[in-house]
Amino acid sequence: MGMNNQCTITGQLYKSVINTSVAVNATASMIVGTTLSTGALDAGTYKLGWFYAFSMSTAIDDFQAQIKVGSTVVASFNIEESDSTTLETQCGFYYLTESTGGTSYTITLNFAAEAGTATLQAGSGLEFWRVA
């Protein structure tokens, strides 16, 4: 019977950040809503998770979001708002392979409004952990 090495490392280096305040952006330029810094990583595979809730000031405007690892956009969203009173939610995952070790990353959840005003709700956040 073989041994699964993932059992000994899965979940190591877990980090999370949850923003505790509402952030508002009334422009089409991306602003940072939440930031997580990893510190120097060992070689391995890591999982980045994000979750956020948002609302728009008008129903015809789009909410725009992106997840960046360093200067690289790893996920990008353009979400058409269904109405101005509904709180919308999004979540997702991204796998990062650190091949050499020693690198640290700054991960950001950025957002903007196509027009109108975008509101990133409190409780939005980022999680990061080793999986292999």
C-alpha atoms as a PDB file:
ATOM      1  CA  MET A   1       0.000   0.000   0.000  1.00  0.00           C
ATOM      2  CA  GLY A   2       1.468   3.370  -1.064  1.00  0.00           C
ATOM      3  CA  MET A   3       1.568   6.567   0.924  1.00  0.00           C
ATOM      4  CA  ASN A   4      -0.042   9.791  -0.231  1.00  0.00           C
ATOM      5  CA  ASN A   5       2.457  12.607   0.362  1.00  0.00           C
ATOM      6  CA  GLN A   6      -0.277  15.174  -0.052  1.00  0.00           C
ATOM      7  CA  CYS A   7      -1.667  14.257   3.353  1.00  0.00           C
ATOM      8  CA  THR A   8       1.369  15.702   5.071  1.00  0.00           C
ATOM      9  CA  ILE A   9       1.375  19.047   3.254  1.00  0.00           C
ATOM     10  CA  THR A  10      -2.206  19.840   2.228  1.00  0.00           C
ATOM     11  CA  GLY A  11      -3.381  22.901   4.108  1.00  0.00           C
ATOM     12  CA  GLN A  12       0.083  24.070   5.123  1.00  0.00           C
ATOM     13  CA  LEU A  13       0.845  27.767   4.808  1.00  0.00           C
ATOM     14  CA  TYR A  14      -2.858  28.651   4.985  1.00  0.00           C
ATOM     15  CA  LYS A  15      -3.511  32.377   4.851  1.00  0.00           C
ATOM     16  CA  SER A  16      -6.730  34.312   4.547  1.00  0.00           C
ATOM     17  CA  VAL A  17      -7.939  37.871   4.587  1.00  0.00           C
ATOM     18  CA  ILE A  18     -11.508  39.120   4.802  1.00  0.00           C
ATOM     19  CA  ASN A  19     -12.217  42.782   4.294  1.00  0.00           C
ATOM     20  CA  THR A  20     -14.302  44.137   7.118  1.00  0.00           C
ATOM     21  CA  SER A  21     -15.534  47.298   5.453  1.00  0.00           C
ATOM     22  CA  VAL A  22     -17.468  48.280   2.370  1.00  0.00           C
ATOM     23  CA  ALA A  23     -15.428  49.653  -0.551  1.00  0.00           C
ATOM     24  CA  VAL A  24     -16.964  51.920  -3.195  1.00  0.00           C
ATOM     25  CA  ASN A  25     -15.686  52.715  -6.697  1.00  0.00           C
ATOM     26  CA  ALA A  26     -17.485  55.189  -8.971  1.00  0.00           C
ATOM     27  CA  THR A  27     -14.964  54.908 -11.835  1.00  0.00           C
ATOM     28  CA  ALA A  28     -14.059  52.505 -14.633  1.00  0.00           C
ATOM     29  CA  SER A  29     -10.507  52.218 -13.233  1.00  0.00           C
ATOM     30  CA  MET A  30      -9.715  49.137 -11.160  1.00  0.00           C
ATOM     31  CA  ILE A  31      -9.067  49.724  -7.472  1.00  0.00           C
ATOM     32  CA  VAL A  32      -7.862  47.222  -4.881  1.00  0.00           C
ATOM     33  CA  GLY A  33     -10.636  45.801  -2.723  1.00  0.00           C
ATOM     34  CA  THR A  34      -8.655  43.166  -0.802  1.00  0.00           C
ATOM     35  CA  THR A  35      -4.954  42.235  -0.589  1.00  0.00           C
ATOM     36  CA  LEU A  36      -3.188  39.091   0.651  1.00  0.00           C
ATOM     37  CA  SER A  37       0.612  38.700   0.846  1.00  0.00           C
ATOM     38  CA  THR A  38       2.005  35.172   0.893  1.00  0.00           C
ATOM     39  CA  GLY A  39       5.561  35.531   2.189  1.00  0.00           C
ATOM     40  CA  ALA A  40       8.270  33.288   0.684  1.00  0.00           C
ATOM     41  CA  LEU A  41       6.779  30.006  -0.572  1.00  0.00           C
ATOM     42  CA  ASP A  42       8.269  26.545  -0.721  1.00  0.00           C
ATOM     43  CA  ALA A  43       8.165  24.783  -4.086  1.00  0.00           C
ATOM     44  CA  GLY A  44       4.747  23.186  -4.551  1.00  0.00           C
ATOM     45  CA  THR A  45       1.182  23.724  -5.730  1.00  0.00           C
ATOM     46  CA  TYR A  46      -1.055  26.261  -4.018  1.00  0.00           C
ATOM     47  CA  LYS A  47      -4.750  27.001  -4.264  1.00  0.00           C
ATOM     48  CA  LEU A  48      -6.080  30.544  -4.271  1.00  0.00           C
ATOM     49  CA  GLY A  49      -9.731  31.036  -3.440  1.00  0.00           C
ATOM     50  CA  TRP A  50     -11.759  34.226  -3.637  1.00  0.00           C
ATOM     51  CA  PHE A  51     -15.255  35.231  -2.680  1.00  0.00           C
ATOM     52  CA  TYR A  52     -17.021  38.548  -2.849  1.00  0.00           C
ATOM     53  CA  ALA A  53     -20.415  40.186  -2.812  1.00  0.00           C
ATOM     54  CA  PHE A  54     -21.206  43.329  -4.736  1.00  0.00           C
ATOM     55  CA  SER A  55     -23.954  45.669  -5.813  1.00  0.00           C
ATOM     56  CA  MET A  56     -24.296  48.361  -8.456  1.00  0.00           C
ATOM     57  CA  SER A  57     -26.068  51.720  -8.310  1.00  0.00           C
ATOM     58  CA  THR A  58     -28.048  50.994 -11.495  1.00  0.00           C
ATOM     59  CA  ALA A  59     -29.226  47.792 -13.160  1.00  0.00           C
ATOM     60  CA  ILE A  60     -27.811  48.579 -16.607  1.00  0.00           C
ATOM     61  CA  ASP A  61     -24.190  48.865 -15.487  1.00  0.00           C
ATOM     62  CA  ASP A  62     -21.608  46.085 -15.299  1.00  0.00           C
ATOM     63  CA  PHE A  63     -19.529  45.162 -12.265  1.00  0.00           C
ATOM     64  CA  GLN A  64     -15.940  44.375 -13.240  1.00  0.00           C
ATOM     65  CA  ALA A  65     -13.529  42.374 -11.091  1.00  0.00           C
ATOM     66  CA  GLN A  66     -10.120  40.805 -11.466  1.00  0.00           C
ATOM     67  CA  ILE A  67      -7.850  38.615  -9.389  1.00  0.00           C
ATOM     68  CA  LYS A  68      -4.160  39.439  -9.711  1.00  0.00           C
ATOM     69  CA  VAL A  69      -1.152  37.448  -8.533  1.00  0.00           C
ATOM     70  CA  GLY A  70       1.646  39.993  -8.595  1.00  0.00           C
ATOM     71  CA  SER A  71       1.145  41.902 -11.846  1.00  0.00           C
ATOM     72  CA  THR A  72      -0.561  38.989 -13.642  1.00  0.00           C
ATOM     73  CA  VAL A  73      -4.347  38.902 -13.989  1.00  0.00           C
ATOM     74  CA  VAL A  74      -5.338  35.257 -13.350  1.00  0.00           C
ATOM     75  CA  ALA A  75      -9.120  35.759 -13.473  1.00  0.00           C
ATOM     76  CA  SER A  76     -11.292  38.527 -14.881  1.00  0.00           C
ATOM     77  CA  PHE A  77     -15.057  39.056 -14.649  1.00  0.00           C
ATOM     78  CA  ASN A  78     -17.561  41.398 -16.262  1.00  0.00           C
ATOM     79  CA  ILE A  79     -20.930  40.819 -14.634  1.00  0.00           C
ATOM     80  CA  GLU A  80     -24.114  42.473 -15.817  1.00  0.00           C
ATOM     81  CA  GLU A  81     -26.159  43.523 -12.840  1.00  0.00           C
ATOM     82  CA  SER A  82     -29.725  42.207 -12.796  1.00  0.00           C
ATOM     83  CA  ASP A  83     -31.071  45.079 -10.707  1.00  0.00           C
ATOM     84  CA  SER A  84     -29.819  47.740  -8.336  1.00  0.00           C
ATOM     85  CA  THR A  85     -31.294  46.192  -5.177  1.00  0.00           C
ATOM     86  CA  THR A  86     -29.883  42.656  -5.385  1.00  0.00           C
ATOM     87  CA  LEU A  87     -26.633  41.655  -3.727  1.00  0.00           C
ATOM     88  CA  GLU A  88     -24.673  39.480  -6.185  1.00  0.00           C
ATOM     89  CA  THR A  89     -21.989  36.989  -5.137  1.00  0.00           C
ATOM     90  CA  GLN A  90     -19.055  35.367  -6.941  1.00  0.00           C
ATOM     91  CA  CYS A  91     -16.371  32.897  -5.940  1.00  0.00           C
ATOM     92  CA  GLY A  92     -13.677  30.839  -7.596  1.00  0.00           C
ATOM     93  CA  PHE A  93     -10.305  29.120  -7.422  1.00  0.00           C
ATOM     94  CA  TYR A  94      -6.931  29.330  -9.134  1.00  0.00           C
ATOM     95  CA  TYR A  95      -3.969  26.942  -8.827  1.00  0.00           C
ATOM     96  CA  LEU A  96      -0.472  28.394  -8.610  1.00  0.00           C
ATOM     97  CA  THR A  97       2.616  26.230  -9.095  1.00  0.00           C
ATOM     98  CA  GLU A  98       5.768  27.517  -7.410  1.00  0.00           C
ATOM     99  CA  SER A  99       8.546  25.517  -9.051  1.00  0.00           C
ATOM    100  CA  THR A 100      11.692  26.899  -7.416  1.00  0.00           C
ATOM    101  CA  GLY A 101      10.555  28.160  -4.024  1.00  0.00           C
ATOM    102  CA  GLY A 102      11.500  31.371  -2.270  1.00  0.00           C
ATOM    103  CA  THR A 103       9.098  33.611  -4.207  1.00  0.00           C
ATOM    104  CA  SER A 104       6.507  35.695  -2.397  1.00  0.00           C
ATOM    105  CA  TYR A 105       3.345  37.062  -3.984  1.00  0.00           C
ATOM    106  CA  THR A 106       0.912  39.898  -3.444  1.00  0.00           C
ATOM    107  CA  ILE A 107      -2.581  38.808  -4.430  1.00  0.00           C
ATOM    108  CA  THR A 108      -5.322  41.375  -4.981  1.00  0.00           C
ATOM    109  CA  LEU A 109      -9.045  41.376  -5.639  1.00  0.00           C
ATOM    110  CA  ASN A 110      -9.664  44.490  -7.759  1.00  0.00           C
ATOM    111  CA  PHE A 111     -12.963  45.964  -8.910  1.00  0.00           C
ATOM    112  CA  ALA A 112     -14.491  48.759 -10.977  1.00  0.00           C
ATOM    113  CA  ALA A 113     -17.786  49.944 -12.442  1.00  0.00           C
ATOM    114  CA  GLU A 114     -18.448  50.096 -16.168  1.00  0.00           C
ATOM    115  CA  ALA A 115     -20.538  53.148 -15.280  1.00  0.00           C
ATOM    116  CA  GLY A 116     -22.392  54.121 -12.147  1.00  0.00           C
ATOM    117  CA  THR A 117     -21.069  53.042  -8.769  1.00  0.00           C
ATOM    118  CA  ALA A 118     -19.780  49.586  -7.765  1.00  0.00           C
ATOM    119  CA  THR A 119     -19.853  48.553  -4.121  1.00  0.00           C
ATOM    120  CA  LEU A 120     -17.730  45.689  -2.806  1.00  0.00           C
ATOM    121  CA  GLN A 121     -19.390  44.450   0.358  1.00  0.00           C
ATOM    122  CA  ALA A 122     -17.763  43.668   3.690  1.00  0.00           C
ATOM    123  CA  GLY A 123     -16.996  39.960   4.045  1.00  0.00           C
ATOM    124  CA  SER A 124     -15.289  39.669   0.674  1.00  0.00           C
ATOM    125  CA  GLY A 125     -11.938  37.939   0.847  1.00  0.00           C
ATOM    126  CA  LEU A 126      -9.053  35.804  -0.349  1.00  0.00           C
ATOM    127  CA  GLU A 127      -7.726  32.442   0.886  1.00  0.00           C
ATOM    128  CA  PHE A 128      -4.430  30.779  -0.028  1.00  0.00           C
ATOM    129  CA  TRP A 129      -3.085  27.351   0.952  1.00  0.00           C
ATOM    130  CA  ARG A 130      -0.736  24.613  -0.169  1.00  0.00           C
ATOM    131  CA  VAL A 131      -2.297  21.545  -1.784  1.00  0.00           C
ATOM    132  CA  ALA A 132       0.691  19.580  -3.098  1.00  0.00           C
END
